[in-house]
Protein backbone atom coordinates (compact mmCIF):
# COMPACT_ATOMS: atom_id res chain seq x y z
CA MET A 1 157.63 212.14 124.95
CA ALA A 2 160.28 211.38 122.31
CA ASP A 3 159.46 211.54 118.64
CA THR A 4 159.53 208.18 116.91
CA PRO A 5 161.10 207.99 113.47
CA LYS A 6 158.65 207.92 110.60
CA LYS A 7 158.78 204.72 108.60
CA ASP A 8 157.86 206.48 105.40
CA ALA A 9 160.32 209.37 105.75
CA LYS A 10 161.61 210.25 102.28
CA LYS A 11 165.32 210.20 101.71
CA PRO A 12 166.72 212.69 99.22
CA THR A 13 166.84 211.11 95.78
CA VAL A 14 170.15 211.12 93.96
CA VAL A 15 169.70 212.50 90.47
CA ILE A 16 172.15 211.13 87.94
CA PRO A 17 172.64 213.39 84.89
CA LYS A 18 171.74 211.77 81.57
CA GLU A 19 175.27 212.45 80.29
CA ASP A 20 176.74 210.40 83.16
CA VAL A 21 174.35 207.50 82.49
CA GLU A 22 175.25 207.54 78.79
CA LYS A 23 178.99 207.71 79.51
CA ALA A 24 178.75 204.84 81.99
CA ALA A 25 176.64 202.76 79.58
CA LYS A 26 179.24 203.22 76.82
CA LEU A 27 182.03 202.18 79.19
CA VAL A 28 180.07 199.12 80.34
CA LEU A 29 179.97 198.03 76.69
CA ASP A 30 183.65 198.83 76.07
CA PRO A 31 185.97 198.28 77.95
CA GLY A 32 183.38 196.51 80.14
CA TYR A 33 183.47 198.50 83.38
CA VAL A 34 183.19 201.95 84.95
CA THR A 35 184.91 203.23 88.11
CA LYS A 36 185.50 206.50 89.94
CA LYS A 37 188.43 207.06 87.56
CA ASP A 38 185.81 207.54 84.82
CA LEU A 39 183.17 209.29 86.94
CA PRO A 40 184.69 210.69 90.16
CA LYS A 41 181.29 210.96 91.88
CA MET A 42 181.35 207.14 92.08
CA ALA A 43 183.54 207.63 95.15
CA GLY A 44 180.26 208.07 97.07
CA LEU A 45 178.30 204.85 97.68
CA GLU A 46 174.89 206.49 97.32
CA TRP A 47 175.83 208.09 93.98
CA ALA A 48 177.51 204.91 92.68
CA THR A 49 174.45 202.83 93.61
CA ALA A 50 172.11 205.31 91.91
CA LEU A 51 174.32 205.30 88.81
CA SER A 52 174.24 201.51 88.69
CA ASP A 53 170.44 201.55 88.88
CA ALA A 54 170.28 204.21 86.15
CA VAL A 55 172.63 202.24 83.87
CA MET A 56 170.59 199.05 84.32
CA LYS A 57 167.40 201.00 83.59
CA HIS A 58 169.06 202.49 80.49
CA PHE A 59 169.78 199.05 79.05
CA LEU A 60 166.32 197.72 79.96
CA GLU A 61 164.32 200.67 78.64
CA ASP A 62 166.40 202.82 76.29
CA ASP A 63 168.85 200.56 74.44
CA GLU A 64 167.26 197.82 72.37
CA ASP A 65 170.57 197.00 70.67
CA HIS A 66 172.45 195.86 73.78
CA ASP A 67 171.61 193.52 76.65
CA PRO A 68 174.70 193.32 78.89
CA TYR A 69 174.65 191.55 82.24
CA VAL A 70 175.39 194.65 84.35
CA TYR A 71 176.69 194.03 87.87
CA PHE A 72 177.49 196.49 90.68
CA GLU A 73 179.91 195.65 93.47
CA GLN A 74 181.92 197.31 96.20
CA PHE A 75 185.27 195.92 97.27
CA ASP A 76 187.53 196.77 100.16
CA PHE A 77 191.27 197.06 99.77
CA ASP A 78 194.34 196.90 101.97
CA GLY A 79 194.46 200.07 104.06
CA GLY A 80 190.68 200.39 104.36
CA ASP A 81 189.73 201.92 101.00
CA ILE A 82 186.34 200.82 99.70
CA ASP A 83 185.53 201.44 96.04
CA SER A 84 182.77 200.61 93.57
CA ILE A 85 182.74 199.12 90.11
CA ILE A 86 179.92 198.65 87.64
CA PHE A 87 180.85 195.96 85.16
CA ASN A 88 179.55 193.89 82.29
CA MET A 89 179.72 190.22 83.22
CA ASP A 90 179.75 189.32 79.55
CA ILE A 91 183.24 190.93 79.43
CA VAL A 92 184.48 190.86 83.05
CA LYS A 93 183.32 187.31 83.72
CA THR A 94 183.40 187.00 87.53
CA ARG A 95 183.25 189.04 90.73
CA ASP A 96 186.91 188.14 91.31
CA ALA A 97 187.78 189.47 87.85
CA GLY A 98 185.86 192.65 88.77
CA LEU A 99 187.92 192.95 91.97
CA GLN A 100 191.15 192.42 90.03
CA LYS A 101 190.17 195.02 87.41
CA LEU A 102 189.17 197.59 90.04
CA ALA A 103 192.42 197.05 91.94
CA GLU A 104 194.42 197.43 88.72
CA VAL A 105 192.61 200.59 87.58
CA LEU A 106 192.78 202.30 90.98
CA ASP A 107 196.26 200.98 91.84
CA GLU A 108 194.99 199.34 95.03
CA LYS A 109 196.27 196.31 96.91
CA ILE A 110 193.77 193.48 97.40
CA VAL A 111 193.22 192.32 100.97
CA ASN A 112 194.58 188.82 101.46
CA HIS A 113 192.13 186.87 103.62
CA GLU A 114 194.12 183.65 103.55
CA VAL A 115 195.29 182.51 106.97
CA GLN A 116 198.62 180.77 107.30
CA GLN A 117 198.49 177.94 109.84
CA GLU A 118 200.99 175.37 110.92
CA THR A 119 199.83 171.89 111.79
CA TYR A 120 201.65 170.07 114.57
């Protein structure tokens, strides 16, 4: 008889060092975003997601002076690269602006999803 997966199986928890949370929080306030250029471990989705959660928690629980609208997003680029950005929507106003900033910082080319069609 085959073993069935346990629904409550614990996944390893990613621990984000306090120094990384503080560095990311400072960057979210100025210049308004953080990428793997600032914290190379952000190249991993699990770590980047955990960092985003930690930064949001930092602003909710540990920083009474600031209340940024923190947003986490992953974008794919031409050639198949997928990268993450944590940004402050009070500074980087839209998801598209976040994509543009991430592409600029990482020197990536944005995938063009527009389809050229001729009408006859």
